[in-house]
Amino acid sequence: METIATPGLEALIARAEQALSEEEPWNALVGFLGATLEAQLTDPSLTIVRAAPERVLPRTEELTTTLGALAGRLLDCTRIGRRRTWRARLAGPAAAHVRDRFRRQHPRR
């Protein structure tokens, strides 16, 4: 089963690497997750190999470890990107307007 899953794992790794090079982290993650879902639906060996508690072939172990690490990096980029986006929004002139409005509506007592 691991031999059958190898091309699919390699394709997912390539897709994850492509996603990491994209400008917008959220779109990259969504695209990668969509590709992962499509791959699992069309190649059942991927789900079986990824869910197995251990691997028989060293190459499969390497591929699944790499794929897991890349997926983790994508999630991290999404979290970091979201924080940066919100910080940028909170620091701009529109944010000052929102803060002032909030303070007028909710005065301290």
Protein backbone atom coordinates (compact mmCIF):
# COMPACT_ATOMS: atom_id res chain seq x y z
CA MET A 1 0.00 0.00 0.00
CA GLU A 2 2.86 2.39 0.80
CA THR A 3 4.32 1.95 -2.68
CA ILE A 4 0.97 2.81 -4.22
CA ALA A 5 0.65 5.94 -2.06
CA THR A 6 4.13 7.29 -2.86
CA PRO A 7 3.20 9.30 -6.00
CA GLY A 8 0.24 10.86 -4.20
CA LEU A 9 2.36 11.81 -1.20
CA GLU A 10 4.97 13.34 -3.49
CA ALA A 11 2.26 15.34 -5.29
CA LEU A 12 0.89 16.62 -1.97
CA ILE A 13 4.38 17.65 -0.87
CA ALA A 14 4.81 19.56 -4.13
CA ARG A 15 1.44 21.26 -3.56
CA ALA A 16 2.39 22.17 0.01
CA GLU A 17 5.69 23.66 -1.14
CA GLN A 18 3.83 25.66 -3.79
CA ALA A 19 1.35 26.87 -1.17
CA LEU A 20 4.19 28.05 1.07
CA SER A 21 5.44 30.29 -1.73
CA GLU A 22 2.05 31.97 -2.24
CA GLU A 23 1.55 35.57 -1.12
CA GLU A 24 -1.68 35.16 0.85
CA PRO A 25 -1.33 32.52 3.63
CA TRP A 26 -5.04 31.86 4.08
CA ASN A 27 -5.62 31.21 0.37
CA ALA A 28 -2.55 28.99 0.32
CA LEU A 29 -3.87 26.89 3.20
CA VAL A 30 -7.34 26.59 1.67
CA GLY A 31 -5.84 25.54 -1.67
CA PHE A 32 -3.63 22.95 0.00
CA LEU A 33 -6.50 21.53 2.05
CA GLY A 34 -8.64 21.33 -1.08
CA ALA A 35 -5.87 19.47 -2.91
CA THR A 36 -5.46 17.14 0.07
CA LEU A 37 -9.16 16.36 0.18
CA GLU A 38 -9.27 15.73 -3.57
CA ALA A 39 -6.22 13.45 -3.34
CA GLN A 40 -7.73 11.43 -0.49
CA LEU A 41 -11.01 11.03 -2.33
CA THR A 42 -9.34 9.83 -5.51
CA ASP A 43 -6.55 7.75 -3.93
CA PRO A 44 -7.68 5.75 -0.88
CA SER A 45 -4.12 4.53 -0.27
CA LEU A 46 -3.19 8.01 1.01
CA THR A 47 -5.65 7.86 3.89
CA ILE A 48 -4.63 4.32 4.81
CA VAL A 49 -0.91 5.14 4.79
CA ARG A 50 -1.30 8.43 6.67
CA ALA A 51 -3.52 6.81 9.32
CA ALA A 52 -1.22 3.83 9.89
CA PRO A 53 0.60 3.96 13.24
CA GLU A 54 3.92 3.07 11.60
CA ARG A 55 5.46 2.80 8.14
CA VAL A 56 7.23 -0.18 6.64
CA LEU A 57 9.25 1.64 3.98
CA PRO A 58 11.78 4.34 4.94
CA ARG A 59 10.77 6.42 1.89
CA THR A 60 7.15 6.48 3.03
CA GLU A 61 8.20 7.52 6.52
CA GLU A 62 10.25 10.34 5.01
CA LEU A 63 7.36 11.49 2.81
CA THR A 64 4.74 11.43 5.56
CA THR A 65 7.06 13.27 7.96
CA THR A 66 7.82 15.91 5.33
CA LEU A 67 4.15 16.33 4.48
CA GLY A 68 3.23 16.74 8.13
CA ALA A 69 5.96 19.33 8.66
CA LEU A 70 4.90 21.32 5.59
CA ALA A 71 1.26 21.26 6.67
CA GLY A 72 2.33 22.55 10.08
CA ARG A 73 4.29 25.37 8.47
CA LEU A 74 1.24 26.32 6.42
CA LEU A 75 -0.86 26.52 9.57
CA ASP A 76 1.81 28.61 11.28
CA CYS A 77 1.97 31.00 8.32
CA THR A 78 -1.79 31.38 8.43
CA ARG A 79 -1.72 32.24 12.13
CA ILE A 80 1.16 34.69 11.70
CA GLY A 81 -0.45 36.25 8.63
CA ARG A 82 -3.73 36.71 10.47
CA ARG A 83 -1.97 38.40 13.40
CA ARG A 84 -0.09 40.73 11.07
CA THR A 85 -3.29 41.61 9.23
CA TRP A 86 -5.12 42.45 12.44
CA ARG A 87 -2.20 44.42 13.82
CA ALA A 88 -2.06 46.43 10.61
CA ARG A 89 -5.77 47.11 10.84
CA LEU A 90 -5.52 48.14 14.48
CA ALA A 91 -2.66 50.52 13.78
CA GLY A 92 -4.23 52.43 10.87
CA PRO A 93 -6.27 55.64 10.90
CA ALA A 94 -9.52 53.70 10.57
CA ALA A 95 -8.64 51.87 13.77
CA ALA A 96 -8.32 55.16 15.63
CA HIS A 97 -11.80 56.08 14.48
CA VAL A 98 -13.18 52.73 15.69
CA ARG A 99 -11.41 53.10 19.06
CA ASP A 100 -12.77 56.63 19.51
CA ARG A 101 -16.27 55.54 18.61
CA PHE A 102 -16.07 52.61 21.01
CA ARG A 103 -14.86 54.86 23.82
CA ARG A 104 -17.72 57.31 23.22
CA GLN A 105 -20.26 54.48 23.29
CA HIS A 106 -18.70 52.79 26.32
CA PRO A 107 -17.30 55.47 28.62
CA ARG A 108 -15.35 54.37 31.68
CA ARG A 109 -17.17 54.79 34.93
